[in-house]
N, C-alpha and C. Protein backbone atom coordinates (compact mmCIF):
# COMPACT_ATOMS: atom_id res chain seq x y z
N MET A 1 -65.49 -78.93 -35.65
CA MET A 1 -66.09 -80.15 -35.43
C MET A 1 -66.46 -80.71 -36.27
N PRO A 2 -65.86 -81.87 -36.33
CA PRO A 2 -65.97 -82.75 -37.59
C PRO A 2 -67.48 -83.92 -37.42
N SER A 3 -68.34 -83.97 -38.35
CA SER A 3 -70.12 -84.45 -38.24
C SER A 3 -69.76 -85.34 -39.21
N VAL A 4 -70.38 -86.59 -38.56
CA VAL A 4 -70.57 -87.83 -40.02
C VAL A 4 -72.26 -87.85 -39.84
N LYS A 5 -73.21 -87.72 -41.08
CA LYS A 5 -73.99 -88.48 -41.20
C LYS A 5 -74.24 -90.05 -41.49
N ILE A 6 -75.14 -90.14 -40.70
CA ILE A 6 -75.35 -91.83 -41.35
C ILE A 6 -76.25 -92.23 -42.49
N ARG A 7 -75.69 -92.55 -43.23
CA ARG A 7 -75.94 -93.16 -44.68
C ARG A 7 -77.02 -94.29 -44.80
N ASP A 8 -77.55 -94.15 -45.20
CA ASP A 8 -78.43 -95.45 -45.62
C ASP A 8 -78.13 -96.87 -45.51
N GLY A 9 -78.22 -97.60 -44.41
CA GLY A 9 -78.03 -98.97 -45.08
C GLY A 9 -76.53 -99.13 -43.73
N GLU A 10 -76.38 -98.43 -43.40
CA GLU A 10 -74.59 -98.15 -43.17
C GLU A 10 -74.47 -98.24 -41.52
N SER A 11 -74.17 -99.12 -41.33
CA SER A 11 -73.71 -99.42 -39.57
C SER A 11 -73.15 -98.04 -39.12
N PHE A 12 -73.43 -98.37 -37.74
CA PHE A 12 -72.83 -97.42 -36.71
C PHE A 12 -71.30 -97.64 -36.78
N GLU A 13 -70.45 -99.07 -36.94
CA GLU A 13 -69.43 -99.04 -36.94
C GLU A 13 -68.27 -98.57 -38.38
N GLY A 14 -68.90 -98.13 -39.19
CA GLY A 14 -68.94 -98.03 -40.61
C GLY A 14 -68.65 -96.33 -40.44
N ALA A 15 -69.53 -95.69 -39.71
CA ALA A 15 -69.87 -94.71 -39.53
C ALA A 15 -68.78 -93.88 -38.65
N LEU A 16 -68.58 -94.72 -37.64
CA LEU A 16 -67.61 -94.28 -36.83
C LEU A 16 -65.77 -94.55 -36.62
N ARG A 17 -65.80 -94.97 -38.12
CA ARG A 17 -64.42 -95.53 -38.73
C ARG A 17 -63.97 -94.39 -39.86
N ARG A 18 -65.37 -93.62 -40.30
CA ARG A 18 -65.59 -92.65 -41.12
C ARG A 18 -64.83 -91.30 -40.28
N PHE A 19 -65.58 -90.76 -39.05
CA PHE A 19 -65.44 -90.35 -37.81
C PHE A 19 -63.76 -90.15 -37.54
N LYS A 20 -63.44 -91.13 -37.64
CA LYS A 20 -61.58 -91.67 -36.85
C LYS A 20 -61.43 -90.89 -37.59
N ARG A 21 -61.46 -90.99 -39.60
CA ARG A 21 -60.30 -91.00 -40.45
C ARG A 21 -60.63 -89.35 -40.80
N ILE A 22 -61.61 -89.01 -40.16
CA ILE A 22 -61.68 -87.53 -40.50
C ILE A 22 -61.25 -86.62 -39.64
N CYS A 23 -61.28 -87.52 -38.19
CA CYS A 23 -60.08 -86.50 -37.35
C CYS A 23 -58.59 -86.96 -37.53
N GLU A 24 -58.23 -87.90 -37.98
CA GLU A 24 -57.59 -87.66 -38.64
C GLU A 24 -56.31 -87.35 -39.09
N GLN A 25 -57.27 -86.98 -40.44
CA GLN A 25 -57.03 -85.71 -41.31
C GLN A 25 -57.24 -84.71 -41.02
N GLU A 26 -57.90 -84.03 -40.61
CA GLU A 26 -57.87 -82.37 -39.65
C GLU A 26 -56.68 -82.63 -38.31
N GLY A 27 -56.13 -83.75 -37.85
CA GLY A 27 -55.18 -82.85 -37.06
C GLY A 27 -55.52 -83.07 -35.65
N ILE A 28 -57.27 -83.43 -35.48
CA ILE A 28 -57.58 -83.09 -33.73
C ILE A 28 -56.72 -83.64 -33.06
N LEU A 29 -57.30 -85.16 -33.19
CA LEU A 29 -55.79 -86.08 -31.99
C LEU A 29 -54.48 -85.59 -31.34
N SER A 30 -53.48 -85.30 -32.42
CA SER A 30 -52.22 -84.40 -32.10
C SER A 30 -51.97 -83.38 -32.26
N GLU A 31 -53.47 -82.25 -32.00
CA GLU A 31 -53.91 -80.89 -32.00
C GLU A 31 -53.60 -81.82 -29.84
N ILE A 32 -54.46 -82.34 -29.54
CA ILE A 32 -55.30 -82.31 -28.41
C ILE A 32 -54.00 -83.16 -27.58
N LYS A 33 -52.64 -83.97 -28.18
CA LYS A 33 -51.77 -84.55 -27.54
C LYS A 33 -50.79 -83.80 -26.86
N LYS A 34 -50.70 -82.17 -27.82
CA LYS A 34 -49.25 -81.50 -27.65
C LYS A 34 -50.32 -80.41 -26.94
N HIS A 35 -51.67 -80.47 -26.57
CA HIS A 35 -52.11 -79.12 -25.25
C HIS A 35 -52.26 -80.22 -24.31
N GLN A 36 -51.99 -81.18 -23.87
CA GLN A 36 -52.09 -82.04 -22.61
C GLN A 36 -51.20 -81.91 -21.39
N HIS A 37 -50.23 -80.90 -21.98
CA HIS A 37 -49.55 -80.53 -21.13
C HIS A 37 -48.56 -79.21 -21.17
N PHE A 38 -47.85 -77.92 -20.58
CA PHE A 38 -47.68 -77.34 -21.06
C PHE A 38 -45.85 -77.45 -21.68
N GLU A 39 -45.61 -76.84 -22.79
CA GLU A 39 -44.07 -76.99 -22.93
C GLU A 39 -43.62 -75.67 -23.23
N LYS A 40 -42.34 -75.53 -22.24
CA LYS A 40 -41.23 -74.17 -22.60
C LYS A 40 -41.56 -73.54 -23.25
N PRO A 41 -41.31 -72.25 -24.32
CA PRO A 41 -40.92 -72.29 -25.48
C PRO A 41 -39.50 -72.72 -25.76
N SER A 42 -38.34 -73.22 -24.68
CA SER A 42 -36.97 -73.44 -25.44
C SER A 42 -37.39 -75.17 -25.26
N GLU A 43 -38.11 -75.62 -24.91
CA GLU A 43 -39.02 -77.29 -25.31
C GLU A 43 -39.31 -76.53 -27.08
N LYS A 44 -40.03 -76.25 -26.89
CA LYS A 44 -40.35 -75.98 -28.58
C LYS A 44 -39.14 -76.17 -29.54
N LYS A 45 -38.10 -75.28 -29.01
CA LYS A 45 -37.28 -74.60 -29.78
C LYS A 45 -36.55 -75.61 -30.24
N LYS A 46 -35.95 -76.56 -29.12
CA LYS A 46 -35.39 -77.77 -29.07
C LYS A 46 -35.89 -79.13 -29.94
N LYS A 47 -37.17 -79.00 -30.20
CA LYS A 47 -37.83 -79.98 -30.78
C LYS A 47 -37.92 -79.66 -31.69
N LYS A 48 -37.98 -78.24 -32.35
CA LYS A 48 -37.72 -77.96 -34.12
C LYS A 48 -36.42 -77.99 -34.55
N MET A 49 -35.64 -77.58 -33.64
CA MET A 49 -34.05 -77.90 -34.01
C MET A 49 -33.80 -79.69 -34.59
N ILE A 50 -34.09 -80.26 -33.58
CA ILE A 50 -34.07 -82.09 -34.11
C ILE A 50 -34.88 -82.10 -35.30
N ALA A 51 -35.86 -81.68 -35.38
CA ALA A 51 -36.72 -82.07 -36.10
C ALA A 51 -36.08 -81.31 -37.56
N ALA A 52 -35.45 -80.35 -37.04
CA ALA A 52 -34.71 -80.18 -38.80
C ALA A 52 -33.51 -80.96 -39.18
N LYS A 53 -32.56 -81.25 -38.01
CA LYS A 53 -31.62 -81.95 -38.22
C LYS A 53 -32.02 -83.19 -38.88
N ARG A 54 -33.35 -83.96 -38.67
CA ARG A 54 -33.33 -85.20 -38.93
C ARG A 54 -33.89 -85.10 -40.36
N LYS A 55 -34.67 -83.81 -40.71
CA LYS A 55 -34.93 -83.39 -42.02
C LYS A 55 -33.82 -83.59 -42.59
N LEU A 56 -32.77 -82.65 -42.44
CA LEU A 56 -31.46 -82.28 -43.34
C LEU A 56 -30.94 -83.72 -43.48
N ARG A 57 -30.57 -84.71 -42.15
CA ARG A 57 -30.44 -85.69 -42.58
C ARG A 57 -30.72 -86.93 -43.97
N ARG A 58 -32.73 -86.85 -43.61
CA ARG A 58 -33.30 -87.83 -44.49
C ARG A 58 -32.87 -87.21 -45.87
N PHE A 59 -32.92 -86.11 -46.01
CA PHE A 59 -32.20 -85.71 -47.34
C PHE A 59 -31.19 -85.52 -48.13
N GLY A 60 -30.50 -85.81 -47.44
CA GLY A 60 -29.12 -85.64 -47.71
C GLY A 60 -28.30 -84.59 -47.98
N LEU A 61 -28.57 -83.85 -47.28
CA LEU A 61 -27.42 -82.86 -47.16
C LEU A 61 -26.36 -83.04 -46.23
N PRO A 62 -25.50 -83.84 -46.04
CA PRO A 62 -24.34 -83.62 -45.12
C PRO A 62 -23.84 -82.18 -45.18
N ASN A 63 -23.43 -82.06 -45.89
CA ASN A 63 -22.12 -81.17 -45.51
C ASN A 63 -22.97 -79.07 -45.33
N TYR A 64 -23.88 -79.67 -44.87
CA TYR A 64 -24.93 -78.43 -44.70
C TYR A 64 -24.84 -78.52 -42.72
N THR A 65 -23.54 -78.15 -42.21
CA THR A 65 -23.53 -77.49 -40.65
C THR A 65 -24.39 -76.81 -39.72
N LYS A 66 -24.91 -76.15 -39.83
CA LYS A 66 -25.59 -75.13 -39.79
C LYS A 66 -26.51 -75.50 -38.20
N PHE A 67 -26.59 -76.78 -37.88
CA PHE A 67 -27.36 -77.12 -36.51
C PHE A 67 -26.48 -78.03 -36.18
N SER A 68 -25.02 -78.13 -36.33
CA SER A 68 -24.22 -78.99 -35.97
C SER A 68 -23.78 -78.37 -34.21
């Protein structure tokens, strides 16, 4: 769990902003969103395959057809 100590002369809003930034860097919010509902293993696999296709398309490997 990330923690933030308020510095001398720092406003609450500034400390909250730092806390939110730390949470985002550690991936806490994305982890919470991921666990909000159960995802079947087949759905996970399908998502992973789609991400791999997208990555291959992005980096310009059009002749690689393993996922087609």
